[in-house]
């Protein structure tokens, strides 16, 4: 029903810009979805059943995999030269916040750009809510790193904010109150009620800020939607912030920070390793990575520019060179954070930095950042910062034991949890993620695609960083007859149906995480 109501937004926008045919497609699709949802609701209202956690996880998987088929109807009807499969693929890419597109930005009407950005925004909201209401009780989605080894979930043992602590214990142990604590449907509603106002408020604030800084209304809205959801969807061909410039990128930079830690969103209490934000391990680790990558990229461009100046000794050091150096430093900072949060946007100064040094884009560094990913239980994809941090702390502790075998590590109970069980579970997930990349690369490579191209496409799909494929100079994607082997990289649109299906499945696996998918196949999961 939420998706049906969301269809009315591009319908109104299309009508306002005299795209009446597209407006009718979205309006009729919204009526169809509302009618279908109402019929299903009436059919199930007479026989309500209490939802279990496993049923909610199945619903979560089905929503990400099957809901795009419904969202694709107005897209397919509004773009006659495409098929329902391609429209479904577009919606899978948007809902999983991957942001990859089969079409060039100048080929899509403005309402379809808005629809893609809205679907990506709803996908980000869905993951923020599902992480707390569905994945946390099942100890998947990153919550296994910090959860108690005794199986207690402190988050759901706390009283809700609306509960009065002066109420007697009999009230807190009443059946209605216990149902609210244990029923996944109630948890889903409560989490949505807590997350939505903040999520929507931040999106609105960024939209207004980008408008004030000079962006077009549609570009500013899509950038705001793509920033908070980390989908990276934009209606422009080049960098999205060409109108607002560096000030607009600074605003986007600040609003990307919530994708680095769950502590910025409701329901992240169980994932807090420290009470003070300045000591948060995810934020400190992310800051170190972003600064280090920015300095490496700046040094790379700086020393290359020295070589260029050496080839032209008559060219003096000008103020423009200093400005280009500062632009390269800012471009490194912005791009590093963007790819670390799996958004995939490049700075408007990035092309200037490349022209300054004459170097190509450091695509492998961006791919590594995307694999590392953002915060646990956020809209970002990848392995996640908390898992990488747990592995780093475990490695640090092992190095200390080599030097001092009888030493006793400090840090408290939470630090011990990270170094022991947390690091063990993080290593399992990392290996499963690596295996997922290998399997996806194999399945894509057998479709007569170069190994390098298959690797980048697989990483982009599994980390939900669609723009990664366009940030790396790829080899020809196809081999075969009719001279296809010598064709340039055609983007996602040049892939076969089988390859698109494999990559769509990789997007779903990367969005829900492999541990959540594997949980469906364990006997203990079905005995709960």
Protein backbone atom coordinates (compact mmCIF):
# COMPACT_ATOMS: atom_id res chain seq x y z
CA UNK A 1 0.00 0.00 0.00
CA UNK A 2 2.91 2.34 0.73
CA UNK A 3 4.27 1.66 -2.75
CA UNK A 4 0.88 2.45 -4.26
CA UNK A 5 0.72 5.78 -2.44
CA UNK A 6 4.28 6.54 -3.53
CA UNK A 7 3.24 6.10 -7.17
CA UNK A 8 1.02 9.14 -6.81
CA UNK A 9 4.08 11.39 -6.31
CA UNK A 10 5.54 10.88 -9.82
CA UNK A 11 1.99 10.96 -11.17
CA UNK A 12 1.46 14.46 -9.76
CA UNK A 13 4.91 15.55 -10.90
CA UNK A 14 4.38 14.20 -14.42
CA UNK A 15 1.06 16.00 -14.64
CA UNK A 16 2.68 19.26 -13.56
CA UNK A 17 5.24 19.11 -16.39
CA UNK A 18 2.63 18.09 -19.01
CA UNK A 19 3.68 14.43 -19.19
CA UNK A 20 0.07 13.31 -19.15
CA UNK A 21 0.67 9.80 -20.49
CA UNK A 22 3.22 9.04 -17.78
CA UNK A 23 0.94 10.58 -15.15
CA UNK A 24 -1.89 8.26 -16.20
CA UNK A 25 0.40 5.22 -16.07
CA UNK A 26 1.43 5.94 -12.50
CA UNK A 27 -2.09 6.88 -11.42
CA UNK A 28 -3.65 3.72 -12.85
CA UNK A 29 -0.87 1.58 -11.39
CA UNK A 30 -1.49 3.16 -7.99
CA UNK A 31 -5.21 2.38 -8.22
CA UNK A 32 -4.44 -1.20 -9.24
CA UNK A 33 -2.04 -1.68 -6.32
CA UNK A 34 -4.47 -0.13 -3.84
CA UNK A 35 -7.27 -2.38 -5.07
CA UNK A 36 -5.10 -5.49 -4.89
CA UNK A 37 -3.82 -4.56 -1.40
CA UNK A 38 -7.35 -3.94 -0.19
CA UNK A 39 -8.55 -7.32 -1.45
CA UNK A 40 -5.64 -9.12 0.21
CA UNK A 41 -6.27 -7.21 3.43
CA UNK A 42 -9.96 -8.16 3.45
CA UNK A 43 -9.16 -11.79 2.73
CA UNK A 44 -6.70 -12.07 5.61
CA UNK A 45 -8.50 -9.89 8.17
CA UNK A 46 -10.97 -12.63 9.10
CA UNK A 47 -8.22 -15.09 10.04
CA UNK A 48 -5.37 -13.16 11.65
CA UNK A 49 -2.30 -15.17 12.60
CA UNK A 50 0.53 -14.20 14.86
CA UNK A 51 3.66 -13.64 12.82
CA UNK A 52 6.87 -15.41 13.75
CA UNK A 53 10.37 -14.11 13.19
CA UNK A 54 11.07 -16.61 10.44
CA UNK A 55 7.91 -15.59 8.59
CA UNK A 56 8.97 -11.95 8.77
CA UNK A 57 12.40 -12.82 7.37
CA UNK A 58 10.73 -14.70 4.54
CA UNK A 59 8.52 -11.67 3.96
CA UNK A 60 11.62 -9.46 3.94
CA UNK A 61 13.30 -11.62 1.28
CA UNK A 62 10.11 -11.81 -0.78
CA UNK A 63 9.62 -8.04 -0.57
CA UNK A 64 13.08 -7.30 -1.96
CA UNK A 65 12.84 -9.98 -4.65
CA UNK A 66 9.16 -9.77 -5.72
CA UNK A 67 7.98 -6.25 -4.87
CA UNK A 68 10.03 -4.80 -7.78
CA UNK A 69 7.72 -6.68 -10.16
CA UNK A 70 4.83 -4.50 -8.95
CA UNK A 71 6.91 -1.34 -8.93
CA UNK A 72 8.01 -2.06 -12.51
CA UNK A 73 4.53 -1.75 -14.08
CA UNK A 74 4.39 2.06 -14.38
CA UNK A 75 8.05 2.14 -15.41
CA UNK A 76 7.50 -0.37 -18.21
CA UNK A 77 4.33 1.35 -19.39
CA UNK A 78 6.00 4.77 -19.42
CA UNK A 79 9.00 3.52 -21.42
CA UNK A 80 7.54 1.63 -24.39
CA UNK A 81 10.90 0.54 -25.82
CA UNK A 82 11.72 -1.53 -22.73
CA UNK A 83 10.31 -4.80 -21.47
CA UNK A 84 8.90 -5.85 -18.14
CA UNK A 85 12.12 -7.73 -17.32
CA UNK A 86 14.30 -4.66 -17.79
CA UNK A 87 11.84 -2.59 -15.75
CA UNK A 88 11.94 -5.25 -13.01
CA UNK A 89 15.74 -5.14 -13.06
CA UNK A 90 15.66 -1.37 -12.69
CA UNK A 91 13.39 -1.63 -9.67
CA UNK A 92 15.54 -4.36 -8.07
CA UNK A 93 18.55 -2.09 -8.51
CA UNK A 94 16.68 0.84 -6.99
CA UNK A 95 15.01 -1.01 -4.10
CA UNK A 96 18.30 -2.60 -3.04
CA UNK A 97 19.87 0.91 -3.15
CA UNK A 98 22.35 -0.28 -5.78
CA UNK A 99 21.54 2.57 -8.17
CA UNK A 100 22.68 0.84 -11.37
CA UNK A 101 20.66 1.66 -14.47
CA UNK A 102 20.24 0.10 -17.89
CA UNK A 103 19.58 3.50 -19.44
CA UNK A 104 21.59 6.64 -19.91
CA UNK A 105 20.31 9.51 -17.80
CA UNK A 106 19.37 11.58 -20.85
CA UNK A 107 17.13 8.80 -22.20
CA UNK A 108 14.74 8.66 -19.24
CA UNK A 109 11.92 11.17 -18.67
CA UNK A 110 12.12 13.20 -15.48
CA UNK A 111 9.22 11.37 -13.72
CA UNK A 112 11.03 8.04 -14.17
CA UNK A 113 14.16 9.48 -12.59
CA UNK A 114 12.01 10.61 -9.67
CA UNK A 115 10.43 7.16 -9.42
CA UNK A 116 13.81 5.42 -9.35
CA UNK A 117 15.03 7.77 -6.62
CA UNK A 118 11.81 7.27 -4.61
CA UNK A 119 12.06 3.48 -4.84
CA UNK A 120 15.69 3.68 -3.69
CA UNK A 121 14.63 5.92 -0.81
CA UNK A 122 11.92 3.48 0.23
CA UNK A 123 14.44 0.64 0.01
CA UNK A 124 16.74 2.48 2.41
CA UNK A 125 13.87 3.11 4.83
CA UNK A 126 12.84 -0.55 4.59
CA UNK A 127 16.34 -1.72 5.54
CA UNK A 128 16.59 0.70 8.47
CA UNK A 129 13.30 -0.63 9.84
CA UNK A 130 13.87 -4.30 9.00
CA UNK A 131 17.32 -4.29 10.60
CA UNK A 132 15.85 -3.54 14.01
CA UNK A 133 12.51 -5.34 13.75
CA UNK A 134 13.53 -8.50 11.86
CA UNK A 135 17.28 -9.02 11.65
CA UNK A 136 18.19 -8.04 15.21
CA UNK A 137 16.09 -10.72 16.98
CA UNK A 138 17.53 -13.36 14.63
CA UNK A 139 21.12 -12.29 15.33
CA UNK A 140 21.93 -11.55 11.69
CA UNK A 141 22.61 -8.39 9.72
CA UNK A 142 25.58 -7.40 11.90
CA UNK A 143 23.78 -7.67 15.26
CA UNK A 144 25.58 -10.96 15.89
CA UNK A 145 28.81 -9.01 16.41
CA UNK A 146 27.65 -7.14 19.51
CA UNK A 147 24.86 -9.37 20.82
CA UNK A 148 25.22 -11.11 24.14
CA UNK A 149 26.76 -14.60 23.99
CA UNK A 150 23.96 -15.81 26.27
CA UNK A 151 21.33 -15.10 23.63
CA UNK A 152 19.70 -12.15 25.36
CA UNK A 153 18.56 -9.23 23.28
CA UNK A 154 18.99 -6.16 25.46
CA UNK A 155 17.27 -3.93 22.96
CA UNK A 156 13.91 -5.64 23.28
CA UNK A 157 14.26 -6.11 27.03
CA UNK A 158 14.27 -2.35 27.52
CA UNK A 159 11.01 -0.55 28.06
CA UNK A 160 9.67 1.34 25.06
CA UNK A 161 9.83 5.11 25.27
CA UNK A 162 6.07 5.33 25.64
CA UNK A 163 6.05 3.02 28.66
CA UNK A 164 5.61 4.62 32.09
CA UNK A 165 8.31 3.34 34.49
CA UNK A 166 5.93 3.97 37.39
CA UNK A 167 3.55 1.29 36.14
CA UNK A 168 3.45 -1.88 38.25
CA UNK A 169 5.28 -4.98 37.12
CA UNK A 170 1.95 -6.73 36.48
CA UNK A 171 1.25 -4.19 33.73
CA UNK A 172 4.63 -4.81 32.08
CA UNK A 173 4.03 -8.55 32.14
CA UNK A 174 0.53 -8.34 30.74
CA UNK A 175 -0.23 -10.34 27.57
CA UNK A 176 -0.79 -7.19 25.51
CA UNK A 177 2.53 -5.71 26.53
CA UNK A 178 4.41 -8.97 25.96
CA UNK A 179 2.78 -9.29 22.54
CA UNK A 180 4.05 -5.84 21.64
CA UNK A 181 7.57 -6.85 22.67
CA UNK A 182 7.66 -10.23 20.92
CA UNK A 183 5.36 -9.96 17.90
CA UNK A 184 7.46 -9.09 14.80
CA UNK A 185 4.56 -7.15 13.27
CA UNK A 186 4.40 -4.84 16.31
CA UNK A 187 8.17 -4.43 16.26
CA UNK A 188 8.03 -3.53 12.58
CA UNK A 189 5.36 -0.87 13.17
CA UNK A 190 7.18 0.53 16.19
CA UNK A 191 10.51 0.70 14.36
CA UNK A 192 8.88 2.38 11.36
CA UNK A 193 7.20 4.92 13.61
CA UNK A 194 10.56 5.79 15.20
CA UNK A 195 12.73 5.84 12.05
CA UNK A 196 10.44 7.47 9.47
CA UNK A 197 10.24 11.01 10.95
CA UNK A 198 14.03 11.30 11.23
CA UNK A 199 14.64 9.73 7.82
CA UNK A 200 12.08 11.93 6.08
CA UNK A 201 13.14 15.03 8.02
CA UNK A 202 16.80 14.67 7.03
CA UNK A 203 15.80 14.13 3.41
CA UNK A 204 13.64 17.25 3.40
CA UNK A 205 16.38 19.30 5.08
CA UNK A 206 18.99 18.25 2.51
CA UNK A 207 16.58 18.90 -0.37
CA UNK A 208 15.92 22.45 0.81
CA UNK A 209 19.62 23.05 1.44
CA UNK A 210 20.59 21.91 -2.07
CA UNK A 211 17.86 24.10 -3.54
CA UNK A 212 19.27 27.12 -1.72
CA UNK A 213 22.75 26.27 -3.01
CA UNK A 214 21.63 26.32 -6.64
CA UNK A 215 20.59 22.81 -7.66
CA UNK A 216 17.57 22.27 -9.88
CA UNK A 217 14.51 21.09 -7.98
CA UNK A 218 14.51 17.57 -9.46
CA UNK A 219 18.28 17.19 -9.15
CA UNK A 220 18.21 18.42 -5.56
CA UNK A 221 15.39 16.04 -4.63
CA UNK A 222 17.03 13.03 -6.28
CA UNK A 223 20.35 13.89 -4.62
CA UNK A 224 18.64 14.14 -1.24
CA UNK A 225 16.83 10.83 -1.76
CA UNK A 226 19.99 9.17 -3.05
CA UNK A 227 22.12 10.49 -0.18
CA UNK A 228 19.97 9.31 2.71
CA UNK A 229 19.33 5.94 1.06
CA UNK A 230 22.93 5.66 -0.29
CA UNK A 231 21.46 4.60 -3.64
CA UNK A 232 23.44 7.21 -5.59
CA UNK A 233 20.60 7.69 -8.07
CA UNK A 234 20.84 10.95 -10.00
CA UNK A 235 19.08 12.33 -13.10
CA UNK A 236 22.28 13.81 -14.54
CA UNK A 237 24.92 12.37 -16.84
CA UNK A 238 27.95 13.86 -15.12
CA UNK A 239 28.57 14.69 -11.45
CA UNK A 240 25.30 15.50 -9.72
CA UNK A 241 26.61 18.61 -7.96
CA UNK A 242 27.69 20.72 -10.91
CA UNK A 243 25.21 23.51 -10.08
CA UNK A 244 25.66 23.67 -6.29
CA UNK A 245 29.41 23.02 -6.53
CA UNK A 246 31.62 22.31 -3.55
CA UNK A 247 29.14 23.78 -1.05
CA UNK A 248 26.50 21.30 -2.21
CA UNK A 249 28.99 18.47 -1.88
CA UNK A 250 29.81 19.57 1.65
CA UNK A 251 26.13 19.35 2.51
CA UNK A 252 25.91 15.87 0.98
CA UNK A 253 29.11 14.92 2.82
CA UNK A 254 27.52 15.77 6.18
CA UNK A 255 24.33 13.86 5.39
CA UNK A 256 26.33 10.76 4.37
CA UNK A 257 27.74 10.45 7.89
CA UNK A 258 24.55 8.74 9.26
CA UNK A 259 25.37 5.82 6.94
CA UNK A 260 28.52 5.15 9.00
CA UNK A 261 26.87 4.13 12.27
CA UNK A 262 23.49 2.96 13.54
CA UNK A 263 23.78 5.24 16.55
CA UNK A 264 22.37 8.07 14.44
CA UNK A 265 19.11 6.13 14.01
CA UNK A 266 16.60 4.75 16.53
CA UNK A 267 17.15 1.14 17.53
CA UNK A 268 20.93 1.18 17.49
CA UNK A 269 21.45 0.86 21.24
CA UNK A 270 22.57 -2.75 21.04
CA UNK A 271 25.30 -1.83 18.55
CA UNK A 272 26.86 0.94 20.65
CA UNK A 273 30.29 -0.08 21.82
CA UNK A 274 30.77 3.26 23.62
CA UNK A 275 28.46 5.85 25.09
CA UNK A 276 30.38 8.82 23.71
CA UNK A 277 30.07 9.42 19.98
CA UNK A 278 33.64 10.62 19.66
CA UNK A 279 34.87 7.18 20.77
CA UNK A 280 32.52 5.22 18.52
CA UNK A 281 34.68 2.55 16.80
CA UNK A 282 32.80 2.70 13.50
CA UNK A 283 33.04 6.48 13.22
CA UNK A 284 36.71 6.60 14.22
CA UNK A 285 37.58 3.76 11.88
CA UNK A 286 35.67 5.40 9.02
CA UNK A 287 37.34 8.76 9.65
CA UNK A 288 40.76 7.12 9.56
CA UNK A 289 40.00 5.28 6.32
CA UNK A 290 38.55 8.36 4.57
CA UNK A 291 41.45 10.60 5.58
CA UNK A 292 44.04 7.99 4.65
CA UNK A 293 42.48 7.33 1.23
CA UNK A 294 42.13 11.07 0.56
CA UNK A 295 45.80 11.66 1.39
CA UNK A 296 46.88 8.73 -0.79
CA UNK A 297 44.82 10.01 -3.71
CA UNK A 298 46.14 13.54 -3.21
CA UNK A 299 49.74 12.32 -3.11
CA UNK A 300 49.10 10.26 -6.22
CA UNK A 301 47.87 13.28 -8.16
CA UNK A 302 50.48 15.61 -6.64
CA UNK A 303 53.53 13.56 -7.62
CA UNK A 304 52.07 12.92 -11.05
CA UNK A 305 51.60 16.66 -11.52
CA UNK A 306 55.29 17.17 -10.64
CA UNK A 307 56.21 14.80 -13.44
CA UNK A 308 53.98 16.75 -15.80
CA UNK A 309 55.63 20.03 -14.73
CA UNK A 310 59.08 18.50 -15.18
CA UNK A 311 58.21 17.72 -18.78
CA UNK A 312 57.33 21.42 -19.22
CA UNK A 313 60.04 23.37 -17.32
CA UNK A 314 58.91 26.66 -18.77
CA UNK A 315 55.57 26.42 -16.96
CA UNK A 316 55.88 28.25 -13.60
CA UNK A 317 54.05 27.26 -10.41
CA UNK A 318 50.84 29.25 -10.50
CA UNK A 319 48.09 29.87 -8.00
CA UNK A 320 45.91 27.69 -10.20
CA UNK A 321 48.11 24.70 -9.34
CA UNK A 322 47.52 25.26 -5.63
CA UNK A 323 43.80 25.51 -6.24
CA UNK A 324 43.90 22.30 -8.25
CA UNK A 325 45.75 20.63 -5.40
CA UNK A 326 43.09 21.69 -2.88
CA UNK A 327 40.38 20.54 -5.28
CA UNK A 328 42.10 17.17 -5.58
CA UNK A 329 42.24 16.87 -1.78
CA UNK A 330 38.53 17.66 -1.43
CA UNK A 331 37.67 15.35 -4.32
CA UNK A 332 39.52 12.54 -2.55
CA UNK A 333 37.69 13.18 0.73
CA UNK A 334 34.24 13.32 -0.87
CA UNK A 335 34.77 10.33 -3.18
CA UNK A 336 36.26 8.23 -0.38
CA UNK A 337 33.26 8.80 1.91
CA UNK A 338 30.85 8.35 -0.98
CA UNK A 339 32.22 4.95 -1.95
CA UNK A 340 32.72 3.88 1.66
CA UNK A 341 28.99 4.41 2.23
CA UNK A 342 28.34 2.60 -1.12
CA UNK A 343 26.70 5.71 -2.59
CA UNK A 344 29.11 5.90 -5.49
CA UNK A 345 29.17 9.63 -6.28
CA UNK A 346 32.32 11.39 -7.46
CA UNK A 347 33.20 14.99 -6.71
CA UNK A 348 32.75 17.72 -9.29
CA UNK A 349 36.46 18.46 -8.80
CA UNK A 350 37.47 14.89 -9.55
CA UNK A 351 37.73 15.41 -13.29
CA UNK A 352 39.85 18.51 -12.67
CA UNK A 353 42.18 16.55 -10.40
CA UNK A 354 42.59 13.89 -13.05
CA UNK A 355 43.32 16.53 -15.67
CA UNK A 356 45.79 18.18 -13.28
CA UNK A 357 47.84 15.00 -12.92
CA UNK A 358 46.93 13.19 -16.13
CA UNK A 359 46.06 10.01 -14.20
CA UNK A 360 43.05 7.76 -14.59
CA UNK A 361 40.48 7.04 -11.90
CA UNK A 362 41.79 4.84 -9.01
CA UNK A 363 39.00 2.35 -9.45
CA UNK A 364 40.49 -0.46 -7.37
CA UNK A 365 40.68 1.84 -4.35
CA UNK A 366 36.99 2.70 -4.80
CA UNK A 367 36.17 -1.01 -5.13
CA UNK A 368 38.00 -1.71 -1.88
CA UNK A 369 36.07 1.04 -0.11
CA UNK A 370 32.78 -0.35 -1.42
CA UNK A 371 33.67 -3.83 -0.17
CA UNK A 372 34.48 -2.38 3.25
CA UNK A 373 31.06 -0.69 3.35
CA UNK A 374 29.37 1.57 5.90
CA UNK A 375 27.83 1.05 9.30
CA UNK A 376 25.99 -2.03 10.52
CA UNK A 377 22.18 -1.85 10.24
CA UNK A 378 22.32 1.28 8.08
CA UNK A 379 21.42 1.88 4.45
CA UNK A 380 25.00 1.21 3.34
CA UNK A 381 26.12 -2.13 1.89
CA UNK A 382 29.41 -4.02 1.93
CA UNK A 383 31.03 -6.07 4.69
CA UNK A 384 30.37 -3.23 7.19
CA UNK A 385 32.77 -1.21 9.32
CA UNK A 386 32.06 -2.95 12.62
CA UNK A 387 33.08 -6.32 11.20
CA UNK A 388 36.29 -4.88 9.76
CA UNK A 389 36.98 -3.20 13.10
CA UNK A 390 36.45 -6.46 15.00
CA UNK A 391 38.90 -8.25 12.69
CA UNK A 392 41.42 -5.43 13.14
CA UNK A 393 41.16 -5.58 16.94
CA UNK A 394 41.54 -9.34 16.87
CA UNK A 395 44.65 -9.03 14.69
CA UNK A 396 46.05 -6.38 17.02
CA UNK A 397 45.48 -8.64 20.01
CA UNK A 398 47.16 -11.58 18.30
CA UNK A 399 50.21 -9.42 17.57
CA UNK A 400 50.37 -8.45 21.25
CA UNK A 401 50.22 -12.10 22.29
CA UNK A 402 53.13 -12.91 20.02
CA UNK A 403 55.25 -10.28 21.81
CA UNK A 404 53.79 -10.82 25.30
CA UNK A 405 52.24 -14.33 25.50
CA UNK A 406 51.10 -13.90 29.12
CA UNK A 407 49.57 -10.46 28.71
CA UNK A 408 45.95 -9.74 29.65
CA UNK A 409 44.06 -7.42 27.31
CA UNK A 410 41.90 -4.63 28.70
CA UNK A 411 39.07 -2.64 27.25
CA UNK A 412 36.17 -4.14 29.18
CA UNK A 413 33.50 -6.70 28.35
CA UNK A 414 32.52 -5.10 25.04
CA UNK A 415 36.10 -5.00 23.75
CA UNK A 416 36.60 -8.66 24.69
CA UNK A 417 33.40 -9.52 22.88
CA UNK A 418 34.65 -7.77 19.74
CA UNK A 419 38.06 -9.44 19.84
CA UNK A 420 36.71 -12.95 20.43
CA UNK A 421 33.22 -13.98 19.34
CA UNK A 422 32.70 -10.81 17.29
CA UNK A 423 35.90 -11.31 15.31
CA UNK A 424 35.09 -14.98 14.78
CA UNK A 425 31.64 -14.20 13.38
CA UNK A 426 33.04 -11.30 11.34
CA UNK A 427 35.59 -13.62 9.76
CA UNK A 428 32.85 -16.10 8.87
CA UNK A 429 30.84 -13.37 7.20
CA UNK A 430 33.89 -12.03 5.38
CA UNK A 431 34.67 -15.47 3.97
CA UNK A 432 31.04 -15.95 2.92
CA UNK A 433 31.13 -12.55 1.24
CA UNK A 434 34.33 -13.47 -0.59
CA UNK A 435 32.78 -16.77 -1.68
CA UNK A 436 29.72 -14.86 -2.91
CA UNK A 437 31.95 -12.64 -5.03
CA UNK A 438 33.77 -15.67 -6.44
CA UNK A 439 30.53 -17.49 -7.29
CA UNK A 440 29.03 -14.39 -8.90
CA UNK A 441 32.20 -13.78 -10.92
CA UNK A 442 32.11 -17.36 -12.19
CA UNK A 443 28.44 -17.16 -13.15
CA UNK A 444 29.00 -13.84 -14.94
CA UNK A 445 32.22 -14.95 -16.62
CA UNK A 446 30.64 -17.99 -18.24
CA UNK A 447 28.44 -15.55 -20.17
CA UNK A 448 31.47 -14.63 -22.32
CA UNK A 449 32.45 -11.60 -20.28
CA UNK A 450 36.03 -10.62 -19.48
CA UNK A 451 37.20 -11.63 -16.02
CA UNK A 452 38.09 -8.04 -14.95
CA UNK A 453 34.70 -6.74 -16.05
CA UNK A 454 32.89 -9.64 -14.37
CA UNK A 455 34.76 -8.94 -11.12
CA UNK A 456 33.84 -5.26 -11.05
CA UNK A 457 30.20 -5.96 -11.93
CA UNK A 458 30.00 -8.62 -9.21
CA UNK A 459 31.51 -6.31 -6.58
CA UNK A 460 29.20 -3.47 -7.65
CA UNK A 461 26.14 -5.73 -7.32
CA UNK A 462 27.06 -7.43 -4.03
CA UNK A 463 28.09 -4.17 -2.36
CA UNK A 464 25.05 -2.32 -3.77
CA UNK A 465 27.31 0.29 -5.39
CA UNK A 466 26.01 0.53 -8.94
CA UNK A 467 28.04 3.63 -9.96
CA UNK A 468 31.21 1.63 -9.28
CA UNK A 469 30.95 0.04 -12.74
CA UNK A 470 31.17 3.43 -14.44
CA UNK A 471 34.00 4.67 -12.19
CA UNK A 472 36.45 2.02 -13.41
CA UNK A 473 37.72 1.79 -16.98
CA UNK A 474 36.50 -1.63 -18.00
CA UNK A 475 37.69 -3.92 -20.74
CA UNK A 476 35.27 -4.93 -23.50
CA UNK A 477 32.38 -6.67 -21.80
CA UNK A 478 31.47 -9.18 -24.42
CA UNK A 479 33.24 -11.74 -26.48
CA UNK A 480 31.79 -13.70 -29.32
CA UNK A 481 30.76 -13.32 -32.89
CA UNK A 482 30.12 -10.29 -35.10
CA UNK A 483 33.03 -8.34 -33.66
CA UNK A 484 31.42 -7.90 -30.27
CA UNK A 485 34.77 -8.59 -28.59
CA UNK A 486 36.12 -5.27 -29.84
CA UNK A 487 33.07 -3.25 -28.76
CA UNK A 488 33.51 -0.69 -25.96
CA UNK A 489 31.95 -1.14 -22.57
CA UNK A 490 28.22 -0.69 -23.05
CA UNK A 491 27.23 -0.44 -19.42
CA UNK A 492 24.68 -2.60 -17.69
CA UNK A 493 22.33 -2.46 -20.70
CA UNK A 494 24.63 -4.57 -22.88
CA UNK A 495 24.41 -7.60 -20.61
CA UNK A 496 22.42 -10.70 -21.46
CA UNK A 497 19.23 -11.69 -19.66
CA UNK A 498 21.06 -14.46 -17.80
CA UNK A 499 23.79 -12.10 -16.62
CA UNK A 500 21.25 -9.50 -15.51
CA UNK A 501 19.39 -12.18 -13.55
CA UNK A 502 22.58 -13.27 -11.79
CA UNK A 503 23.49 -9.70 -10.91
CA UNK A 504 19.95 -8.95 -9.72
CA UNK A 505 20.21 -11.96 -7.40
CA UNK A 506 23.58 -10.66 -6.19
CA UNK A 507 21.99 -7.29 -5.40
CA UNK A 508 19.34 -8.99 -3.25
CA UNK A 509 21.95 -11.13 -1.46
CA UNK A 510 24.15 -8.10 -0.87
CA UNK A 511 21.25 -6.05 0.47
CA UNK A 512 19.90 -8.69 2.89
CA UNK A 513 23.37 -10.14 3.61
CA UNK A 514 24.38 -13.72 3.04
CA UNK A 515 23.95 -14.74 6.70
CA UNK A 516 20.27 -13.78 6.62
CA UNK A 517 19.79 -15.80 3.43
CA UNK A 518 21.62 -18.83 4.87
CA UNK A 519 19.51 -18.61 8.03
CA UNK A 520 16.53 -19.71 5.97
CA UNK A 521 18.23 -23.05 5.31
CA UNK A 522 19.16 -23.96 8.89
CA UNK A 523 16.97 -26.42 10.88
CA UNK A 524 17.23 -24.32 14.06
CA UNK A 525 15.66 -21.40 12.25
CA UNK A 526 12.52 -23.37 11.42
CA UNK A 527 12.20 -24.76 14.96
CA UNK A 528 11.86 -21.28 16.50
